[in-house]
Amino acid sequence: MSFGQTSASQRTYKPLLQPDLKLMLIENDLIGLQQFCEVLNPAIVAEVLSGLDSQSTWRVLSSTNIEHQAEIFEFVEPKQQIELVDSVDREHLSKLIEAMSPDDRLGLLEHMDEEQIEALLPLIAQAERDEIRKMLSYPENSAGAMMTTEYASLPEDIPVSEALNLLRQQAPNRETIYYVFVVDAGRHLQGVISLRELIMARPAALLADVMTKDVVSVNVKDDQDEAAKLIARFDLIALPVLDEDNRLVGIITHDDVLDVIQEEANKDAYLQAAIDPLEHSYFSTPLLTIASKRGVWLLFLSIMALVTARALRSFGDEAASQPWLEWFLPLVLASGGNTGSQSATLVIRAMAIATMNSRDKVRLAIREFLTGLILGLTLGVFSWLALQGLFGRDPIQSGVVALTIAMVVTMGSVVGSMLPILFDRLGMDPAIMSNPLIASLSDFMGVVIYFSAAIWLLG
């Protein structure tokens, strides 16, 4: 069976192509399997392979050469990768790992057991083996752990004409050639030149004279988030990674950064919904695992709710003497919780997009306090008028609710903005300050402030 062009507008290929693939496996159509692996985009092939058992997947992959196998394998989900690793002989696996790009190879090895890695490394060529050990030594989530060593580099003392010839020789084995990094004899980074600039330059000009010397770079131990922010800020295709001696050891490409950004966005979305982040896709995660990741937070939030209930119980006499107070308790709690959640979301996103120094954080605290005060006074006046006009409360009773709303909205804004900053200062993920958690804290403060205001104004 032959494969033609498939429309890019189709959102998923698995339901369309997997039935045909299973038919080819039944008929042992080796030519069709080979075309399937080599004609379609590797990402599409990996998507269609998801859900097949390991034996069938290897039958499909074995129909093409090791280079195509590696390209497809790099797009397979980590969980399925490990299942495939456990079901193939070590010799085949070692060849596959050698053919993979360094960054994707490292991603696979990080999901494997240490015993598996040690048993596998002796079967890998010495050069790749040394590179693997070096990259595994970098801290997790560091720039060194996500970089690739397949970059284009040239010496600074050669003319442009010679540089183009050397670049042509390097191109087949490089991740990208759109940026060419210029290094000295000790591989210290001297500058960078784009392929466009190289083509447009005079053939006799030296690289040292046409390159850009002010190069944006990161250290191998810098956090991946820092690399992502630099690539986004300066609109780069690739970012050089330097070691402690300022030698060029690798590059981080924009496609790898997109993976990091998506992973961080998913993580923040989970945490802000009070869910521990899933390591794999939703349907690849066992039901009990999903329940446990959600249950831990729900249990903690339940404890917070019980604390709020305890505070409410302590004001039982006031609530009994003024039954109308309970009518407006949901209004008070919702006002504080919603405001806190808004502030937390704004601050967490701001911190994710740009690095904040101490001055920025002070400015943010002041702005959120003033914003909360404006919102609190506005909602307080609105509530004061509404309670008198719609519920027949007198000005003092309406003032209890109005004053409480003004205070809880202001405090909710401050707490919602400051707690993420505090958690970041402590080295924790600011997104832990999820909307449900902020709402629970605001509920507790709302109950205490509400009935304290009632005691103060009503006696």
Protein backbone atom coordinates (compact mmCIF):
# COMPACT_ATOMS: atom_id res chain seq x y z
CA MET A 1 0.00 0.00 0.00
CA SER A 2 1.37 3.43 -0.91
CA PHE A 3 0.98 6.63 1.11
CA GLY A 4 0.34 10.00 -0.50
CA GLN A 5 0.15 13.48 0.96
CA THR A 6 -2.14 13.85 3.96
CA SER A 7 -3.91 17.11 4.68
CA ALA A 8 -2.23 19.22 7.35
CA SER A 9 -5.63 20.37 8.57
CA GLN A 10 -6.40 16.92 9.98
CA ARG A 11 -5.91 17.05 13.72
CA THR A 12 -5.21 13.38 14.32
CA TYR A 13 -3.98 10.60 12.06
CA LYS A 14 -4.33 7.58 14.32
CA PRO A 15 -8.02 6.75 13.56
CA LEU A 16 -7.37 7.20 9.84
CA LEU A 17 -4.17 5.21 9.40
CA GLN A 18 -3.97 2.67 12.21
CA PRO A 19 -6.59 0.29 10.71
CA ASP A 20 -4.58 0.18 7.45
CA LEU A 21 -1.38 -0.35 9.42
CA LYS A 22 -2.89 -3.28 11.33
CA LEU A 23 -4.04 -4.78 8.02
CA MET A 24 -0.50 -4.52 6.64
CA LEU A 25 0.80 -6.31 9.74
CA ILE A 26 -1.73 -9.11 9.26
CA GLU A 27 -0.82 -9.46 5.57
CA ASN A 28 2.90 -9.04 6.35
CA ASP A 29 3.11 -6.28 3.72
CA LEU A 30 6.78 -5.37 4.15
CA ILE A 31 6.81 -2.86 1.29
CA GLY A 32 3.76 -1.09 2.67
CA LEU A 33 5.29 -0.98 6.16
CA GLN A 34 8.50 0.47 4.75
CA GLN A 35 6.60 3.17 2.87
CA PHE A 36 4.59 3.92 6.00
CA CYS A 37 7.82 4.57 7.94
CA GLU A 38 9.68 6.46 5.24
CA VAL A 39 7.02 8.52 3.44
CA LEU A 40 5.07 9.92 6.38
CA ASN A 41 6.44 12.45 8.82
CA PRO A 42 8.12 10.66 11.79
CA ALA A 43 5.76 12.44 14.23
CA ILE A 44 2.73 11.08 12.37
CA VAL A 45 4.21 7.57 12.32
CA ALA A 46 4.81 7.73 16.08
CA GLU A 47 1.23 8.89 16.67
CA VAL A 48 -0.21 6.01 14.64
CA LEU A 49 2.02 3.51 16.46
CA SER A 50 0.66 4.59 19.86
CA GLY A 51 -1.58 1.92 21.31
CA LEU A 52 0.05 -0.97 19.43
CA ASP A 53 1.77 -3.66 21.46
CA SER A 54 5.56 -3.65 21.53
CA GLN A 55 5.95 -6.65 19.23
CA SER A 56 3.80 -5.06 16.51
CA THR A 57 5.58 -1.72 16.91
CA TRP A 58 8.99 -3.32 16.42
CA ARG A 59 7.71 -5.19 13.36
CA VAL A 60 6.77 -1.84 11.84
CA LEU A 61 10.03 -0.13 12.80
CA SER A 62 12.15 -3.04 11.60
CA SER A 63 10.83 -2.55 8.07
CA THR A 64 13.06 0.52 7.64
CA ASN A 65 16.69 1.38 8.34
CA ILE A 66 18.07 2.36 11.75
CA GLU A 67 18.20 6.09 10.87
CA HIS A 68 14.46 6.20 10.16
CA GLN A 69 13.79 4.10 13.25
CA ALA A 70 15.63 6.66 15.37
CA GLU A 71 13.73 9.57 13.83
CA ILE A 72 10.40 7.90 14.59
CA PHE A 73 11.44 6.70 18.05
CA GLU A 74 12.25 10.28 19.10
CA PHE A 75 8.55 11.20 18.73
CA VAL A 76 7.20 8.21 20.65
CA GLU A 77 5.80 9.02 24.10
CA PRO A 78 8.23 8.28 26.98
CA LYS A 79 6.01 5.57 28.47
CA GLN A 80 5.83 3.68 25.17
CA GLN A 81 9.56 4.21 24.63
CA ILE A 82 10.32 2.39 27.87
CA GLU A 83 7.98 -0.46 26.91
CA LEU A 84 9.80 -0.78 23.60
CA VAL A 85 13.19 -0.66 25.31
CA ASP A 86 12.20 -3.54 27.58
CA SER A 87 11.10 -5.69 24.62
CA VAL A 88 14.12 -5.46 22.30
CA ASP A 89 17.61 -6.96 22.47
CA ARG A 90 20.42 -4.73 23.72
CA GLU A 91 22.39 -4.85 20.48
CA HIS A 92 19.51 -3.41 18.46
CA LEU A 93 18.81 -0.86 21.19
CA SER A 94 22.44 0.29 21.27
CA LYS A 95 22.40 0.95 17.51
CA LEU A 96 19.13 2.84 17.84
CA ILE A 97 20.51 5.03 20.63
CA GLU A 98 23.66 5.78 18.61
CA ALA A 99 21.48 6.98 15.72
CA MET A 100 19.34 9.27 17.88
CA SER A 101 20.13 12.98 18.27
CA PRO A 102 22.02 13.74 21.52
CA ASP A 103 19.19 15.63 23.25
CA ASP A 104 16.51 13.03 22.43
CA ARG A 105 18.94 10.25 23.35
CA LEU A 106 19.44 11.85 26.75
CA GLY A 107 15.68 12.20 27.22
CA LEU A 108 15.29 8.45 26.70
CA LEU A 109 18.14 7.50 29.02
CA GLU A 110 16.76 9.71 31.80
CA HIS A 111 13.64 7.53 31.83
CA MET A 112 15.63 4.29 31.99
CA ASP A 113 16.90 2.52 35.11
CA GLU A 114 20.55 2.99 36.01
CA GLU A 115 21.13 -0.76 35.68
CA GLN A 116 19.75 -0.69 32.12
CA ILE A 117 22.02 2.20 31.19
CA GLU A 118 25.15 0.56 32.60
CA ALA A 119 24.36 -2.68 30.76
CA LEU A 120 23.80 -0.80 27.53
CA LEU A 121 26.73 1.62 27.46
CA PRO A 122 29.46 -0.98 26.71
CA LEU A 123 27.65 -1.79 23.44
CA ILE A 124 27.72 1.85 22.29
CA ALA A 125 30.66 3.37 20.41
CA GLN A 126 33.26 5.05 22.59
CA ALA A 127 32.60 8.59 21.31
CA GLU A 128 28.85 8.40 21.91
CA ARG A 129 29.43 6.64 25.24
CA ASP A 130 31.65 9.47 26.53
CA GLU A 131 29.16 12.05 25.35
CA ILE A 132 26.28 10.23 27.07
CA ARG A 133 28.11 10.04 30.39
CA LYS A 134 28.99 13.73 30.18
CA MET A 135 25.43 14.83 29.41
CA LEU A 136 23.99 12.59 32.14
CA SER A 137 26.27 14.38 34.62
CA TYR A 138 24.50 17.71 34.08
CA PRO A 139 21.78 18.65 36.60
CA GLU A 140 18.22 17.77 35.68
CA ASN A 141 16.31 20.64 34.01
CA SER A 142 19.58 22.44 33.28
CA ALA A 143 20.66 23.88 29.94
CA GLY A 144 23.29 21.15 29.63
CA ALA A 145 20.63 18.45 30.01
CA MET A 146 18.58 19.72 27.06
CA MET A 147 21.32 20.85 24.65
CA THR A 148 22.53 19.04 21.54
CA THR A 149 26.18 18.73 20.60
CA GLU A 150 25.42 18.62 16.87
CA TYR A 151 26.17 22.27 16.09
CA ALA A 152 28.04 23.95 13.24
CA SER A 153 31.31 25.66 14.21
CA LEU A 154 34.19 27.22 12.27
CA PRO A 155 37.53 28.87 13.14
CA GLU A 156 37.70 32.65 13.03
CA ASP A 157 40.78 33.03 10.84
CA ILE A 158 39.43 31.60 7.56
CA PRO A 159 37.82 33.43 4.61
CA VAL A 160 34.12 33.20 3.88
CA SER A 161 34.69 31.06 0.77
CA GLU A 162 36.49 28.39 2.79
CA ALA A 163 33.90 28.65 5.57
CA LEU A 164 31.10 27.79 3.11
CA ASN A 165 33.00 24.71 1.92
CA LEU A 166 33.61 23.51 5.48
CA LEU A 167 29.99 24.20 6.43
CA ARG A 168 28.81 22.13 3.46
CA GLN A 169 30.81 19.18 4.85
CA GLN A 170 29.40 19.59 8.37
CA ALA A 171 25.76 20.10 7.33
CA PRO A 172 24.61 16.44 7.07
CA ASN A 173 25.48 15.75 10.72
CA ARG A 174 24.32 18.98 12.33
CA GLU A 175 21.02 19.83 14.04
CA THR A 176 20.97 23.24 12.37
CA ILE A 177 23.32 25.24 10.16
CA TYR A 178 21.38 28.50 10.18
CA TYR A 179 23.65 29.72 12.97
CA VAL A 180 27.37 29.06 12.65
CA PHE A 181 29.39 29.54 15.82
CA VAL A 182 32.93 30.87 15.50
CA VAL A 183 35.47 29.44 17.96
CA ASP A 184 39.20 29.63 18.59
CA ALA A 185 41.62 26.71 18.93
CA GLY A 186 40.43 26.07 22.50
CA ARG A 187 36.77 26.09 21.40
CA HIS A 188 36.11 29.35 23.24
CA LEU A 189 33.17 31.13 21.66
CA GLN A 190 34.29 34.20 19.71
CA GLY A 191 31.18 35.07 17.73
CA VAL A 192 28.28 33.89 15.62
CA ILE A 193 27.21 34.37 12.01
CA SER A 194 23.95 33.35 10.36
CA LEU A 195 23.86 31.37 7.15
CA ARG A 196 22.26 34.35 5.43
CA GLU A 197 25.08 36.66 6.52
CA LEU A 198 27.65 34.09 5.45
CA ILE A 199 26.18 33.80 1.96
CA MET A 200 25.92 37.59 1.57
CA ALA A 201 29.49 38.30 2.78
CA ARG A 202 32.42 38.87 0.44
CA PRO A 203 34.18 35.53 -0.29
CA ALA A 204 37.60 36.96 0.65
CA ALA A 205 36.46 38.45 3.99
CA LEU A 206 37.61 36.74 7.18
CA LEU A 207 34.98 35.32 9.54
CA ALA A 208 36.46 37.40 12.35
CA ASP A 209 35.55 40.55 10.41
CA VAL A 210 31.95 39.68 9.52
CA MET A 211 30.77 37.73 12.57
CA THR A 212 28.69 39.15 15.44
CA LYS A 213 30.88 39.26 18.53
CA ASP A 214 28.20 40.06 21.11
CA VAL A 215 26.70 36.59 21.53
CA VAL A 216 23.83 35.70 23.88
CA SER A 217 24.62 32.43 25.68
CA VAL A 218 23.88 30.34 28.76
CA ASN A 219 25.96 28.21 31.09
CA VAL A 220 25.50 24.43 31.13
CA LYS A 221 24.20 24.64 34.71
CA ASP A 222 21.68 27.42 34.07
CA ASP A 223 18.02 26.50 34.35
CA GLN A 224 16.13 25.50 31.22
CA ASP A 225 13.61 28.27 31.89
CA GLU A 226 16.39 30.84 31.59
CA ALA A 227 17.36 29.45 28.20
CA ALA A 228 13.74 29.51 27.05
CA LYS A 229 13.34 33.14 28.11
CA LEU A 230 16.53 34.18 26.26
CA ILE A 231 15.47 32.46 23.04
CA ALA A 232 12.03 34.08 23.26
CA ARG A 233 13.40 37.51 24.18
CA PHE A 234 16.02 37.70 21.43
CA ASP A 235 14.02 35.68 18.87
CA LEU A 236 16.83 33.14 18.38
CA ILE A 237 16.88 29.93 16.37
CA ALA A 238 19.61 28.43 18.55
CA LEU A 239 21.31 29.43 21.81
CA PRO A 240 24.96 28.48 22.53
CA VAL A 241 25.74 26.66 25.77
CA LEU A 242 29.11 27.28 27.45
CA ASP A 243 30.93 25.38 30.18
CA GLU A 244 32.67 26.89 33.20
CA ASP A 245 35.69 27.80 31.04
CA ASN A 246 33.50 29.56 28.45
CA ARG A 247 34.04 26.83 25.90
CA LEU A 248 31.25 26.00 23.49
CA VAL A 249 29.82 22.57 24.39
CA GLY A 250 26.43 22.59 22.69
CA ILE A 251 23.40 24.52 21.53
CA ILE A 252 19.73 24.67 22.50
CA THR A 253 17.42 24.92 19.52
CA HIS A 254 14.06 26.68 19.40
CA ASP A 255 12.13 23.43 18.93
CA ASP A 256 13.55 22.03 22.17
CA VAL A 257 12.57 25.24 23.94
CA LEU A 258 9.00 24.86 22.67
CA ASP A 259 8.88 21.47 24.41
CA VAL A 260 10.08 23.06 27.66
CA ILE A 261 7.57 25.90 27.41
CA GLN A 262 4.73 23.47 26.75
CA GLU A 263 5.83 21.26 29.63
CA GLU A 264 6.02 24.23 32.01
CA ALA A 265 2.63 25.53 30.83
CA ASN A 266 1.07 22.11 31.44
CA LYS A 267 2.69 21.90 34.85
CA ASP A 268 1.44 25.37 35.85
CA ALA A 269 -2.05 24.57 34.59
CA TYR A 270 -2.17 21.39 36.69
CA LEU A 271 -0.83 23.09 39.81
CA GLN A 272 -3.22 26.04 39.50
CA ALA A 273 -6.07 23.54 39.45
CA ALA A 274 -4.63 21.84 42.58
CA ILE A 275 -3.47 18.70 40.73
CA ASP A 276 0.01 17.18 40.87
CA PRO A 277 1.39 17.33 37.28
CA LEU A 278 0.97 14.16 35.21
CA GLU A 279 4.19 12.65 33.90
CA HIS A 280 2.49 11.24 30.80
CA SER A 281 -0.63 12.03 28.79
CA TYR A 282 -4.05 11.71 30.44
CA PHE A 283 -5.01 8.40 28.81
CA SER A 284 -1.51 6.96 29.38
CA THR A 285 -1.76 7.60 33.12
CA PRO A 286 -3.37 4.86 35.28
CA LEU A 287 -6.69 5.76 36.89
CA LEU A 288 -5.38 5.24 40.43
CA THR A 289 -2.43 7.53 39.70
CA ILE A 290 -4.75 10.31 38.54
CA ALA A 291 -6.94 9.80 41.62
CA SER A 292 -3.93 9.97 43.96
CA LYS A 293 -2.54 13.13 42.34
CA ARG A 294 -5.91 14.83 42.70
CA GLY A 295 -6.75 13.30 46.08
CA VAL A 296 -3.70 14.64 47.94
CA TRP A 297 -4.62 18.22 47.12
CA LEU A 298 -8.32 17.65 47.75
CA LEU A 299 -7.50 16.26 51.19
CA PHE A 300 -5.38 19.31 51.98
CA LEU A 301 -8.12 21.65 50.75
CA SER A 302 -10.65 19.74 52.86
CA ILE A 303 -8.47 20.37 55.93
CA MET A 304 -8.42 24.08 55.04
CA ALA A 305 -12.22 24.01 54.74
CA LEU A 306 -12.48 22.37 58.17
CA VAL A 307 -10.32 25.15 59.64
CA THR A 308 -12.70 27.68 58.08
CA ALA A 309 -15.67 25.78 59.51
CA ARG A 310 -14.02 25.84 62.94
CA ALA A 311 -13.63 29.60 62.68
CA LEU A 312 -17.27 29.92 61.64
CA ARG A 313 -18.35 27.80 64.62
CA SER A 314 -16.48 30.09 67.01
CA PHE A 315 -18.72 32.97 65.87
CA GLY A 316 -21.88 30.93 66.40
CA ASP A 317 -23.37 33.31 68.98
CA GLU A 318 -22.98 36.32 66.70
CA ALA A 319 -24.55 34.40 63.79
CA ALA A 320 -27.48 33.33 66.01
CA SER A 321 -28.15 36.86 67.22
CA GLN A 322 -27.97 38.29 63.70
CA PRO A 323 -29.37 35.57 61.35
CA TRP A 324 -29.19 37.86 58.30
CA LEU A 325 -25.37 37.74 58.47
CA GLU A 326 -25.44 34.22 56.97
CA TRP A 327 -27.28 35.51 53.90
CA PHE A 328 -24.25 37.43 52.70
CA LEU A 329 -21.48 35.06 53.77
CA PRO A 330 -21.23 33.53 50.23
CA LEU A 331 -20.84 37.06 48.80
CA VAL A 332 -18.00 37.83 51.20
CA LEU A 333 -16.17 34.55 50.59
CA ALA A 334 -16.57 34.69 46.80
CA SER A 335 -15.26 38.27 46.64
CA GLY A 336 -12.03 37.45 48.49
CA GLY A 337 -11.43 34.11 46.76
CA ASN A 338 -12.02 35.42 43.26
CA THR A 339 -9.77 38.43 43.80
CA GLY A 340 -6.97 36.31 45.25
CA SER A 341 -7.18 33.86 42.36
CA GLN A 342 -7.00 36.71 39.84
CA SER A 343 -3.91 38.19 41.50
CA ALA A 344 -2.17 34.82 41.78
CA THR A 345 -2.78 34.08 38.10
CA LEU A 346 -1.45 37.48 37.00
CA VAL A 347 1.69 37.20 39.15
CA ILE A 348 2.48 33.59 38.22
CA ARG A 349 2.20 34.40 34.51
CA ALA A 350 4.33 37.53 34.93
CA MET A 351 7.03 35.53 36.70
CA ALA A 352 6.91 32.83 34.02
CA ILE A 353 7.39 35.32 31.18
CA ALA A 354 10.13 37.50 32.70
CA THR A 355 12.62 37.35 35.56
CA MET A 356 11.76 39.74 38.40
CA ASN A 357 14.34 41.42 40.60
CA SER A 358 13.67 42.68 44.13
CA ARG A 359 12.63 46.11 42.88
CA ASP A 360 10.11 44.61 40.48
CA LYS A 361 8.60 42.54 43.27
CA VAL A 362 8.20 45.60 45.51
CA ARG A 363 6.51 47.48 42.65
CA LEU A 364 4.25 44.50 42.04
CA ALA A 365 3.24 44.36 45.72
CA ILE A 366 2.39 48.07 45.74
CA ARG A 367 0.42 47.85 42.49
CA GLU A 368 -1.59 44.85 43.69
CA PHE A 369 -2.33 46.54 47.02
CA LEU A 370 -3.59 49.67 45.26
CA THR A 371 -5.54 47.60 42.73
CA GLY A 372 -7.11 45.56 45.54
CA LEU A 373 -7.97 48.74 47.44
CA ILE A 374 -9.68 50.28 44.40
CA LEU A 375 -11.62 47.09 43.69
CA GLY A 376 -12.48 46.58 47.36
CA LEU A 377 -13.83 50.11 47.81
CA THR A 378 -15.81 49.88 44.57
CA LEU A 379 -17.38 46.53 45.45
CA GLY A 380 -17.92 47.68 49.05
CA VAL A 381 -19.90 50.76 47.98
CA PHE A 382 -21.89 48.67 45.51
CA SER A 383 -22.72 46.12 48.25
CA TRP A 384 -23.64 48.88 50.76
CA LEU A 385 -26.18 50.33 48.34
CA ALA A 386 -27.48 46.91 47.21
CA LEU A 387 -28.12 45.66 50.77
CA GLN A 388 -30.21 48.71 51.59
CA GLY A 389 -32.10 48.82 48.30
CA LEU A 390 -32.70 45.11 47.71
CA PHE A 391 -32.61 43.55 51.19
CA GLY A 392 -33.88 46.33 53.45
CA ARG A 393 -30.81 46.41 55.69
CA ASP A 394 -30.03 49.60 57.61
CA PRO A 395 -26.83 51.58 56.88
CA ILE A 396 -24.92 50.03 59.80
CA GLN A 397 -25.80 46.46 58.83
CA SER A 398 -24.98 47.20 55.20
CA GLY A 399 -21.72 48.72 56.41
CA VAL A 400 -20.68 45.41 58.00
CA VAL A 401 -20.86 43.64 54.65
CA ALA A 402 -19.39 46.59 52.71
CA LEU A 403 -16.43 46.99 55.07
CA THR A 404 -15.75 43.24 55.03
CA ILE A 405 -15.81 43.07 51.24
CA ALA A 406 -13.46 46.05 50.97
CA MET A 407 -11.01 44.38 53.37
CA VAL A 408 -11.16 40.82 51.99
CA VAL A 409 -10.78 42.01 48.39
CA THR A 410 -7.75 44.14 49.34
CA MET A 411 -6.21 41.35 51.40
CA GLY A 412 -7.05 38.74 48.76
CA SER A 413 -5.21 40.80 46.16
CA VAL A 414 -2.14 41.16 48.39
CA VAL A 415 -2.08 37.51 49.51
CA GLY A 416 -2.69 36.23 45.99
CA SER A 417 0.25 38.22 44.69
CA MET A 418 2.70 37.79 47.54
CA LEU A 419 2.43 34.04 48.19
CA PRO A 420 3.70 33.03 44.70
CA ILE A 421 6.64 35.42 45.16
CA LEU A 422 7.34 33.95 48.61
CA PHE A 423 7.29 30.41 47.24
CA ASP A 424 9.63 31.43 44.42
CA ARG A 425 12.00 32.96 46.98
CA LEU A 426 12.00 29.67 48.88
CA GLY A 427 12.98 27.81 45.70
CA MET A 428 9.53 26.29 45.19
CA ASP A 429 7.29 26.47 42.14
CA PRO A 430 5.09 29.61 42.42
CA ALA A 431 2.28 27.75 40.66
CA ILE A 432 1.80 25.70 43.85
CA MET A 433 -0.21 28.70 44.99
CA SER A 434 -3.14 27.30 43.05
CA ASN A 435 -6.50 29.03 42.69
CA PRO A 436 -8.29 26.55 45.02
CA LEU A 437 -5.62 27.05 47.69
CA ILE A 438 -5.81 30.84 47.44
CA ALA A 439 -9.60 30.60 47.62
CA SER A 440 -9.40 28.43 50.76
CA LEU A 441 -7.07 30.91 52.48
CA SER A 442 -9.37 33.77 51.48
CA ASP A 443 -12.39 31.91 52.88
CA PHE A 444 -10.73 31.63 56.29
CA MET A 445 -9.77 35.31 56.32
CA GLY A 446 -13.25 36.26 55.09
CA VAL A 447 -15.02 34.46 57.97
CA VAL A 448 -12.78 36.01 60.61
CA ILE A 449 -13.00 39.54 59.17
CA TYR A 450 -16.76 39.33 58.53
CA PHE A 451 -17.82 38.39 62.03
CA SER A 452 -15.17 40.58 63.64
CA ALA A 453 -16.60 43.53 61.73
CA ALA A 454 -20.08 42.52 62.84
CA ILE A 455 -19.04 42.45 66.51
CA TRP A 456 -17.30 45.81 66.18
CA LEU A 457 -20.14 47.64 64.36
CA LEU A 458 -23.20 45.90 65.77
CA GLY A 459 -21.98 45.22 69.30
